[in-house]
Amino acid sequence: MRHEKNIQITGAAGKKIILDIFFEDGVSRRPVVIYSHGFNGFKDWANTDLIATRFAEQGFTFIKFNFSHNGTTTSELETFADLKAFSENNYTKELYDLAAVIDWCAEPLNKFAEQIESGKISLVGHSMGGGISILQAARDERITKLVCWASIAECKTPWGTWPAEKINEWKINGVAYYINTRTAQHLPMLYQLYEDYQNNAGKYDIKAAIARLRIPILLCHGLKDSSVPFEKALELQGAQPAATLFTVDSDHVFDRKHPWTEPNLPGPMEAIVRETIEFLNER
């Protein structure tokens, strides 16, 4: 097993995207899996290296990355240390970042080009990363398969259930705060996040995007998900009936937590990984 961590490429607004690549030695031109984390997440959350290793062992080149404005930095990869960047994040920036990672994969002069089959790129996204992956797949013909883990169905994270009064307060104050229950941080979100969605509502319609797709799609969701309810998976499948739906009796993160100190994945996450690998291996 080989891997290289914390490679830097340029993302939205010139900020750095930090990415990892995992692959097995001895085999060239492997199908690529690009993993996008969710809101309030990062590439190493709950030791995603375990997941990356599982995919690499099954013949894939696995790439995971931090979105450029997720709040981590090049030196603090598991801490929301850059609150200014976090406050300036939006869907436009995340789509830019995911496209930049795909471009990096497809670059013939990439030092890992021998490990990358650029004609076989699959996207795997968790939560908000799932929604971003759907939107990107609908606009990028290089994507051959799509897997969503507990994906959002609307670009309204985390304000989708806020009452009108709270949205108005957000507009007046210019900033609202999301409480990270793990760290107790009050993470700032500028009103531009809402404006970015309003200005691009048509382009950022996740259900319309998945309906347009003509590639194999797997939707994985926990039946006990309280962050993105299971009904959202049903909405996505309703928009794209050809998508396969796989469920586990678990929560939004499939029984993981951060930090993850165990040598193995929890049962629900293991089932999701196994199902995803089987799906990606299908012709």
Protein backbone atom coordinates (compact mmCIF):
# COMPACT_ATOMS: atom_id res chain seq x y z
CA MET A 1 0.00 0.00 0.00
CA ARG A 2 1.27 3.45 -0.92
CA HIS A 3 -0.12 6.79 0.00
CA GLU A 4 0.94 10.40 -0.04
CA LYS A 5 -0.81 12.85 2.22
CA ASN A 6 -1.30 16.60 2.27
CA ILE A 7 -0.52 17.40 -1.34
CA GLN A 8 -1.34 21.03 -2.09
CA ILE A 9 -3.13 22.33 -5.17
CA THR A 10 -4.84 25.67 -5.77
CA GLY A 11 -8.54 25.98 -5.02
CA ALA A 12 -11.18 28.69 -4.96
CA ALA A 13 -10.02 32.28 -4.41
CA GLY A 14 -6.41 31.09 -4.51
CA LYS A 15 -6.66 29.14 -1.25
CA LYS A 16 -5.07 25.72 -1.00
CA ILE A 17 -6.84 22.40 -1.35
CA ILE A 18 -5.05 19.70 0.66
CA LEU A 19 -5.46 16.19 -0.72
CA ASP A 20 -4.37 12.61 -0.09
CA ILE A 21 -3.91 9.79 -2.59
CA PHE A 22 -3.95 6.04 -1.76
CA PHE A 23 -3.14 3.15 -4.11
CA GLU A 24 -1.54 -0.30 -4.19
CA ASP A 25 1.86 -0.76 -5.81
CA GLY A 26 2.33 -2.87 -8.91
CA VAL A 27 -0.79 -1.99 -10.88
CA SER A 28 -1.10 1.00 -13.18
CA ARG A 29 -4.04 3.01 -14.49
CA ARG A 30 -6.47 2.28 -11.69
CA PRO A 31 -10.05 3.57 -11.61
CA VAL A 32 -10.23 6.70 -9.48
CA VAL A 33 -12.52 7.43 -6.53
CA ILE A 34 -12.68 11.06 -5.35
CA TYR A 35 -14.21 11.53 -1.91
CA SER A 36 -15.80 14.84 -0.84
CA HIS A 37 -16.43 15.47 2.87
CA GLY A 38 -19.49 17.22 4.23
CA PHE A 39 -20.25 20.51 5.94
CA ASN A 40 -18.32 20.93 9.18
CA GLY A 41 -16.02 18.11 8.07
CA PHE A 42 -12.54 17.43 6.74
CA LYS A 43 -10.71 14.70 4.83
CA ASP A 44 -9.32 12.96 7.93
CA TRP A 45 -12.50 13.02 9.99
CA ALA A 46 -12.93 9.75 11.94
CA ASN A 47 -9.79 8.32 10.34
CA THR A 48 -11.01 8.25 6.76
CA ASP A 49 -7.61 6.73 6.01
CA LEU A 50 -9.20 3.38 6.94
CA ILE A 51 -11.81 3.89 4.23
CA ALA A 52 -9.19 5.03 1.72
CA THR A 53 -7.11 1.93 2.43
CA ARG A 54 -10.09 -0.37 1.88
CA PHE A 55 -10.72 1.11 -1.56
CA ALA A 56 -7.05 0.99 -2.51
CA GLU A 57 -6.85 -2.67 -1.50
CA GLN A 58 -9.73 -3.37 -3.88
CA GLY A 59 -7.97 -1.88 -6.89
CA PHE A 60 -8.90 1.79 -6.82
CA THR A 61 -6.85 4.95 -6.56
CA PHE A 62 -8.60 6.80 -3.74
CA ILE A 63 -8.34 10.58 -3.37
CA LYS A 64 -9.76 12.62 -0.52
CA PHE A 65 -9.34 16.32 0.09
CA ASN A 66 -10.19 19.32 2.22
CA PHE A 67 -12.31 21.93 0.52
CA SER A 68 -10.31 25.13 0.37
CA HIS A 69 -12.69 27.07 2.63
CA ASN A 70 -13.71 24.35 5.09
CA GLY A 71 -11.89 26.16 7.93
CA THR A 72 -8.82 23.96 8.24
CA THR A 73 -5.37 25.17 7.23
CA THR A 74 -2.26 23.67 5.68
CA SER A 75 -0.79 23.20 9.16
CA GLU A 76 -3.96 22.53 11.19
CA LEU A 77 -5.71 19.84 9.19
CA GLU A 78 -8.20 18.67 11.80
CA THR A 79 -9.01 21.98 13.48
CA PHE A 80 -11.30 24.78 12.35
CA ALA A 81 -8.58 27.36 12.76
CA ASP A 82 -9.39 29.62 9.80
CA LEU A 83 -12.80 30.97 10.72
CA LYS A 84 -12.56 33.69 8.07
CA ALA A 85 -12.29 31.05 5.35
CA PHE A 86 -15.14 29.06 6.90
CA SER A 87 -17.34 32.16 6.90
CA GLU A 88 -16.62 32.76 3.21
CA ASN A 89 -17.38 29.23 2.02
CA ASN A 90 -20.26 28.59 -0.37
CA TYR A 91 -21.47 26.14 -3.02
CA THR A 92 -19.72 27.99 -5.84
CA LYS A 93 -16.36 27.62 -4.10
CA GLU A 94 -16.91 23.94 -3.34
CA LEU A 95 -17.83 23.17 -6.95
CA TYR A 96 -14.70 25.03 -8.05
CA ASP A 97 -12.61 22.94 -5.66
CA LEU A 98 -14.05 19.59 -6.74
CA ALA A 99 -13.50 20.49 -10.40
CA ALA A 100 -9.89 21.44 -9.54
CA VAL A 101 -9.31 18.03 -7.95
CA ILE A 102 -10.76 16.30 -11.01
CA ASP A 103 -8.55 18.44 -13.27
CA TRP A 104 -5.54 17.44 -11.16
CA CYS A 105 -6.44 13.78 -11.62
CA ALA A 106 -6.77 14.16 -15.39
CA GLU A 107 -3.52 16.10 -15.82
CA PRO A 108 -1.13 13.98 -17.95
CA LEU A 109 1.91 15.47 -16.16
CA ASN A 110 0.55 14.57 -12.72
CA LYS A 111 3.31 12.67 -10.88
CA PHE A 112 0.69 9.99 -10.09
CA ALA A 113 -0.54 9.69 -13.68
CA GLU A 114 0.51 6.03 -13.85
CA GLN A 115 -1.86 5.26 -10.95
CA ILE A 116 -4.82 7.11 -12.47
CA GLU A 117 -7.23 5.91 -15.15
CA SER A 118 -8.59 9.30 -16.11
CA GLY A 119 -11.38 7.71 -18.15
CA LYS A 120 -12.82 6.08 -15.01
CA ILE A 121 -13.48 8.70 -12.36
CA SER A 122 -16.15 8.08 -9.74
CA LEU A 123 -17.33 10.59 -7.16
CA VAL A 124 -18.23 9.63 -3.59
CA GLY A 125 -19.62 12.38 -1.37
CA HIS A 126 -20.92 12.50 2.19
CA SER A 127 -23.75 14.80 3.21
CA MET A 128 -23.11 18.25 1.68
CA GLY A 129 -20.26 16.63 -0.25
CA GLY A 130 -22.84 14.30 -1.75
CA GLY A 131 -24.88 17.22 -3.04
CA ILE A 132 -21.78 18.86 -4.47
CA SER A 133 -20.85 15.56 -6.14
CA ILE A 134 -24.30 15.32 -7.76
CA LEU A 135 -24.05 18.85 -9.13
CA GLN A 136 -20.53 18.26 -10.44
CA ALA A 137 -21.41 14.93 -12.05
CA ALA A 138 -24.27 16.60 -13.92
CA ARG A 139 -21.88 19.15 -15.44
CA ASP A 140 -18.76 17.01 -15.98
CA GLU A 141 -18.71 14.25 -18.60
CA ARG A 142 -15.53 12.80 -17.08
CA ILE A 143 -17.53 11.33 -14.20
CA THR A 144 -18.52 7.72 -14.88
CA LYS A 145 -20.19 6.72 -11.58
CA LEU A 146 -21.65 8.52 -8.56
CA VAL A 147 -22.08 7.41 -4.94
CA CYS A 148 -23.82 9.52 -2.29
CA TRP A 149 -23.48 8.79 1.42
CA ALA A 150 -26.26 10.51 3.41
CA SER A 151 -26.49 13.19 0.75
CA ILE A 152 -28.38 16.44 1.06
CA ALA A 153 -31.16 16.98 -1.49
CA GLU A 154 -31.04 20.79 -1.46
CA CYS A 155 -28.22 23.34 -1.27
CA LYS A 156 -29.53 24.76 1.99
CA THR A 157 -27.00 23.50 4.53
CA PRO A 158 -27.30 24.33 7.41
CA TRP A 159 -30.07 26.92 7.13
CA GLY A 160 -32.73 24.92 5.29
CA THR A 161 -35.03 24.62 8.31
CA TRP A 162 -34.48 28.10 9.71
CA PRO A 163 -37.63 30.24 10.06
CA ALA A 164 -37.97 33.41 8.01
CA GLU A 165 -37.21 35.56 11.07
CA LYS A 166 -33.82 33.91 11.54
CA ILE A 167 -32.97 34.32 7.86
CA ASN A 168 -33.86 38.00 8.15
CA GLU A 169 -31.65 38.37 11.22
CA TRP A 170 -28.85 36.76 9.22
CA LYS A 171 -29.34 39.35 6.48
CA ILE A 172 -29.41 42.26 8.92
CA ASN A 173 -26.40 41.11 10.95
CA GLY A 174 -24.45 39.86 7.94
CA VAL A 175 -23.37 36.75 9.86
CA ALA A 176 -24.93 33.76 11.62
CA TYR A 177 -23.25 31.06 13.67
CA TYR A 178 -23.25 27.28 13.52
CA ILE A 179 -22.36 25.51 16.77
CA ASN A 180 -19.99 22.60 16.30
CA THR A 181 -21.21 20.21 18.97
CA ARG A 182 -17.89 18.34 19.02
CA THR A 183 -15.66 21.36 19.58
CA ALA A 184 -18.25 23.82 20.97
CA GLN A 185 -17.00 26.39 18.45
CA HIS A 186 -19.37 29.00 17.10
CA LEU A 187 -18.51 28.86 13.41
CA PRO A 188 -19.39 32.03 11.47
CA MET A 189 -21.28 31.97 8.19
CA LEU A 190 -21.56 35.19 6.24
CA TYR A 191 -24.88 35.99 4.58
CA GLN A 192 -23.13 35.52 1.24
CA LEU A 193 -23.75 31.76 1.65
CA TYR A 194 -27.49 32.35 1.38
CA GLU A 195 -27.02 34.86 -1.43
CA ASP A 196 -24.82 32.42 -3.35
CA TYR A 197 -27.65 29.90 -3.31
CA GLN A 198 -30.32 32.47 -4.18
CA ASN A 199 -28.27 33.75 -7.11
CA ASN A 200 -27.69 30.23 -8.45
CA ALA A 201 -30.85 28.40 -7.38
CA GLY A 202 -31.45 26.98 -10.85
CA LYS A 203 -27.87 25.75 -11.30
CA TYR A 204 -27.76 24.39 -7.76
CA ASP A 205 -30.97 22.36 -7.94
CA ILE A 206 -29.69 18.97 -6.74
CA LYS A 207 -32.82 17.01 -7.63
CA ALA A 208 -32.92 18.47 -11.13
CA ALA A 209 -29.22 17.65 -11.51
CA ILE A 210 -29.59 14.02 -10.46
CA ALA A 211 -32.58 13.66 -12.77
CA ARG A 212 -30.35 14.58 -15.73
CA LEU A 213 -27.68 12.01 -14.98
CA ARG A 214 -27.31 8.93 -17.16
CA ILE A 215 -24.54 7.25 -15.21
CA PRO A 216 -24.82 4.56 -12.51
CA ILE A 217 -25.79 6.07 -9.13
CA LEU A 218 -25.76 4.55 -5.64
CA LEU A 219 -27.53 6.30 -2.76
CA CYS A 220 -26.55 5.13 0.74
CA HIS A 221 -28.40 6.43 3.78
CA GLY A 222 -28.91 5.70 7.45
CA LEU A 223 -32.47 5.05 8.58
CA LYS A 224 -31.78 6.90 11.84
CA ASP A 225 -30.18 9.95 10.23
CA SER A 226 -31.33 13.04 12.13
CA SER A 227 -29.08 15.50 10.28
CA VAL A 228 -30.25 14.63 6.75
CA PRO A 229 -33.42 12.57 7.21
CA PHE A 230 -33.85 9.37 5.22
CA GLU A 231 -36.70 11.02 3.34
CA LYS A 232 -34.07 13.07 1.47
CA ALA A 233 -32.68 9.88 -0.04
CA LEU A 234 -36.19 8.98 -1.16
CA GLU A 235 -36.53 12.42 -2.75
CA LEU A 236 -33.31 11.88 -4.69
CA GLN A 237 -34.41 8.43 -5.82
CA GLY A 238 -37.77 9.88 -6.77
CA ALA A 239 -35.98 12.37 -9.01
CA GLN A 240 -33.79 9.63 -10.47
CA PRO A 241 -35.58 6.25 -10.28
CA ALA A 242 -32.62 4.48 -11.91
CA ALA A 243 -30.51 5.15 -8.81
CA THR A 244 -29.89 2.22 -6.45
CA LEU A 245 -30.79 2.82 -2.79
CA PHE A 246 -28.91 1.05 0.03
CA THR A 247 -29.82 1.58 3.68
CA VAL A 248 -28.27 0.83 7.05
CA ASP A 249 -29.85 1.04 10.49
CA SER A 250 -27.62 3.89 11.58
CA ASP A 251 -27.10 7.63 11.90
CA HIS A 252 -25.74 10.38 9.64
CA VAL A 253 -22.10 9.29 10.03
CA PHE A 254 -22.76 5.54 10.08
CA ASP A 255 -21.71 5.07 13.72
CA ARG A 256 -18.36 6.82 13.34
CA LYS A 257 -17.00 9.58 15.58
CA HIS A 258 -13.95 11.79 15.66
CA PRO A 259 -11.34 10.98 16.68
CA TRP A 260 -11.61 7.31 15.67
CA THR A 261 -9.11 5.15 17.53
CA GLU A 262 -10.30 1.65 16.62
CA PRO A 263 -8.44 -0.46 14.03
CA ASN A 264 -11.64 -1.28 12.15
CA LEU A 265 -14.65 0.60 10.85
CA PRO A 266 -17.97 0.35 12.69
CA GLY A 267 -20.46 -2.12 11.23
CA PRO A 268 -22.70 0.34 9.37
CA MET A 269 -19.74 2.15 7.77
CA GLU A 270 -18.20 -1.19 6.85
CA ALA A 271 -21.45 -2.18 5.13
CA ILE A 272 -21.52 1.12 3.22
CA VAL A 273 -17.90 0.69 2.08
CA ARG A 274 -18.52 -2.89 1.00
CA GLU A 275 -21.65 -1.96 -0.95
CA THR A 276 -19.89 1.00 -2.60
CA ILE A 277 -16.91 -1.11 -3.71
CA GLU A 278 -19.23 -3.76 -5.13
CA PHE A 279 -21.20 -1.08 -6.98
CA LEU A 280 -18.06 0.54 -8.42
CA ASN A 281 -16.77 -2.84 -9.56
CA GLU A 282 -19.89 -3.54 -11.59
CA ARG A 283 -19.42 -3.01 -15.31
